[in-house]
Protein backbone atom coordinates (compact mmCIF):
# COMPACT_ATOMS: atom_id res chain seq x y z
CA UNK A 1 -62.15 170.55 239.65
CA UNK A 2 -58.82 172.09 238.42
CA UNK A 3 -58.46 173.62 235.34
CA UNK A 4 -57.27 170.96 233.50
CA UNK A 5 -59.67 168.59 234.25
CA UNK A 6 -62.42 171.51 233.29
CA UNK A 7 -60.54 171.48 229.73
CA UNK A 8 -60.65 167.98 229.28
CA UNK A 9 -64.57 167.90 230.09
CA UNK A 10 -64.56 170.94 227.91
CA UNK A 11 -62.86 169.11 225.11
CA UNK A 12 -64.93 165.71 225.60
CA UNK A 13 -68.24 167.61 225.61
CA UNK A 14 -67.25 169.83 222.24
CA UNK A 15 -66.42 166.23 220.11
CA UNK A 16 -69.82 165.19 221.54
CA UNK A 17 -71.50 168.29 220.35
CA UNK A 18 -69.90 168.40 217.15
CA UNK A 19 -70.27 164.23 216.77
CA UNK A 20 -74.17 164.45 217.33
CA UNK A 21 -74.28 167.55 214.80
CA UNK A 22 -71.94 165.68 212.04
CA UNK A 23 -73.93 162.49 212.26
CA UNK A 24 -77.56 163.89 212.68
CA UNK A 25 -78.92 162.61 208.82
CA UNK A 26 -82.61 162.03 207.32
CA UNK A 27 -81.27 158.00 206.94
CA UNK A 28 -81.19 157.77 211.15
CA UNK A 29 -84.62 158.94 211.42
CA UNK A 30 -87.06 156.03 211.91
CA UNK A 31 -89.60 155.97 209.30
CA UNK A 32 -92.86 156.90 211.55
CA UNK A 33 -90.86 160.47 212.11
CA UNK A 34 -93.46 163.48 211.58
CA UNK A 35 -92.86 166.22 208.24
CA UNK A 36 -91.68 168.41 210.80
CA UNK A 37 -89.34 166.65 212.11
CA UNK A 38 -87.79 165.15 209.05
CA UNK A 39 -87.42 168.85 207.47
CA UNK A 40 -85.67 169.52 210.75
CA UNK A 41 -82.92 167.33 209.41
CA UNK A 42 -82.94 169.58 205.87
CA UNK A 43 -79.12 170.68 206.29
CA UNK A 44 -80.01 174.23 204.86
CA UNK A 45 -82.04 174.55 208.01
CA UNK A 46 -78.96 173.34 210.34
CA UNK A 47 -76.71 175.86 207.87
CA UNK A 48 -79.35 178.53 208.64
CA UNK A 49 -79.12 177.94 212.65
CA UNK A 50 -75.46 177.44 212.32
CA UNK A 51 -75.34 180.85 210.58
CA UNK A 52 -77.51 182.38 213.61
CA UNK A 53 -75.33 180.35 216.16
CA UNK A 54 -72.03 182.26 214.63
CA UNK A 55 -73.91 185.74 214.33
CA UNK A 56 -74.73 185.55 218.08
CA UNK A 57 -71.38 184.16 219.34
CA UNK A 58 -69.84 186.81 217.21
CA UNK A 59 -71.97 189.84 218.90
CA UNK A 60 -71.15 188.18 222.20
CA UNK A 61 -67.26 187.81 221.52
CA UNK A 62 -65.90 190.90 223.44
CA UNK A 63 -68.53 189.99 226.75
CA UNK A 64 -66.77 186.27 226.45
CA UNK A 65 -62.98 187.81 226.44
CA UNK A 66 -64.05 190.53 229.13
CA UNK A 67 -65.15 187.41 231.55
CA UNK A 68 -63.01 184.73 230.36
CA UNK A 69 -59.44 186.81 230.60
CA UNK A 70 -57.30 185.98 233.31
CA UNK A 71 -54.48 187.52 234.67
CA UNK A 72 -51.95 186.92 231.67
CA UNK A 73 -54.04 188.80 228.93
CA UNK A 74 -55.16 185.24 227.66
CA UNK A 75 -58.54 183.58 228.32
CA UNK A 76 -58.63 181.11 231.06
CA UNK A 77 -57.90 177.19 230.57
CA UNK A 78 -61.27 175.57 229.11
CA UNK A 79 -62.14 178.68 227.74
CA UNK A 80 -62.05 178.55 223.78
CA UNK A 81 -63.55 180.25 220.79
CA UNK A 82 -63.99 178.63 217.20
CA UNK A 83 -62.68 180.23 214.31
CA UNK A 84 -62.94 180.06 210.68
CA UNK A 85 -59.61 180.07 208.76
CA UNK A 86 -58.12 179.35 205.09
CA UNK A 87 -55.38 176.85 205.48
CA UNK A 88 -52.43 177.48 203.13
CA UNK A 89 -53.78 175.41 200.38
CA UNK A 90 -56.96 177.81 200.42
CA UNK A 91 -59.26 175.31 202.06
CA UNK A 92 -61.25 176.90 205.04
CA UNK A 93 -61.11 175.04 208.31
CA UNK A 94 -62.66 175.42 211.48
CA UNK A 95 -60.63 175.43 214.37
CA UNK A 96 -60.99 175.62 218.06
CA UNK A 97 -58.31 177.78 220.18
CA UNK A 98 -57.59 178.47 223.50
CA UNK A 99 -55.29 180.79 225.36
CA UNK A 100 -56.85 183.88 223.38
CA UNK A 101 -55.32 187.32 223.65
CA UNK A 102 -55.48 190.43 221.89
CA UNK A 103 -52.49 191.91 219.56
CA UNK A 104 -53.64 195.07 218.26
CA UNK A 105 -56.84 194.58 215.82
CA UNK A 106 -56.12 190.91 215.92
CA UNK A 107 -56.40 188.08 218.44
CA UNK A 108 -54.20 185.26 218.53
CA UNK A 109 -54.87 182.14 220.16
CA UNK A 110 -53.31 178.71 220.65
CA UNK A 111 -54.68 175.51 218.48
CA UNK A 112 -56.27 172.94 221.05
CA UNK A 113 -55.31 170.42 218.09
CA UNK A 114 -51.89 171.29 218.10
CA UNK A 115 -50.63 173.35 221.28
CA UNK A 116 -47.39 174.64 219.29
CA UNK A 117 -49.78 175.91 216.69
CA UNK A 118 -50.61 179.72 217.24
CA UNK A 119 -52.97 181.24 214.73
CA UNK A 120 -54.11 185.37 214.02
CA UNK A 121 -57.58 186.09 213.42
CA UNK A 122 -60.38 188.75 213.14
CA UNK A 123 -63.72 189.23 214.79
CA UNK A 124 -65.26 188.28 211.30
CA UNK A 125 -63.62 185.09 211.80
CA UNK A 126 -65.44 183.63 215.16
CA UNK A 127 -67.83 181.54 214.79
CA UNK A 128 -68.44 180.27 218.31
CA UNK A 129 -67.06 180.27 221.46
CA UNK A 130 -67.50 178.02 224.90
CA UNK A 131 -66.85 178.82 228.50
CA UNK A 132 -66.75 175.77 231.09
CA UNK A 133 -69.14 176.75 234.06
CA UNK A 134 -68.87 175.83 237.99
CA UNK A 135 -71.15 172.87 237.30
CA UNK A 136 -69.00 171.50 234.36
CA UNK A 137 -71.62 172.37 231.85
CA UNK A 138 -70.50 174.70 229.06
CA UNK A 139 -71.50 178.17 228.02
CA UNK A 140 -71.64 179.85 224.91
CA UNK A 141 -71.70 177.04 222.01
CA UNK A 142 -74.14 179.01 220.23
CA UNK A 143 -74.15 176.87 217.14
CA UNK A 144 -75.07 174.10 219.33
CA UNK A 145 -77.97 175.87 221.06
CA UNK A 146 -79.46 176.81 217.65
CA UNK A 147 -78.98 174.04 215.90
CA UNK A 148 -80.71 172.73 218.62
CA UNK A 149 -83.47 174.21 217.99
CA UNK A 150 -84.65 172.76 214.84
CA UNK A 151 -83.54 169.10 215.57
CA UNK A 152 -86.24 166.42 216.74
CA UNK A 153 -86.55 166.85 220.48
CA UNK A 154 -84.61 163.29 221.26
CA UNK A 155 -81.61 164.40 219.62
CA UNK A 156 -81.59 168.02 220.76
CA UNK A 157 -81.59 166.65 224.31
CA UNK A 158 -78.37 164.69 223.73
CA UNK A 159 -76.76 167.87 222.34
CA UNK A 160 -77.81 169.95 224.96
CA UNK A 161 -77.16 167.80 227.72
CA UNK A 162 -73.44 169.19 228.05
CA UNK A 163 -74.75 172.69 227.67
CA UNK A 164 -75.67 175.27 230.97
CA UNK A 165 -79.18 176.52 230.95
CA UNK A 166 -77.36 179.97 230.43
CA UNK A 167 -75.37 181.11 227.44
CA UNK A 168 -73.65 182.95 229.93
CA UNK A 169 -72.04 182.69 233.15
CA UNK A 170 -73.71 184.93 235.96
CA UNK A 171 -72.41 188.15 236.08
CA UNK A 172 -70.93 188.27 232.58
């Protein structure tokens, strides 16, 4: 599988995970859902799970960089990090960046949404990372892994279908 194909599948999987995360709500629950299932849709629980995922991603970001770094000094195609950025109007945005390299105390990555846009960030801005496995499933994606823990099993199964069984590739 070429790097371009892996990158495309990674993008599709990330969109699917984002869609499932954004569209899981109490309204989608059948009236027969148990109290435990209904409480798992509490936005505060999802937020706490996402916060745990972001903490794991930040903690493991150096490991991600070491494993995903190519000879060019930037991460390999298909590898990306989700970072929290503040735009020129002061609004917070979350961007997926690829081709990440280090410049002094900062990291610099290329936006997946706009290949001509370069963004500078620090470790505390990292909220997640993703790296394609040899089987096409994704390593990292700690936010999705943590959120899946508080979702009903049928939603969690859909979310985790694109994820590797292990958060890190072997050898990392």
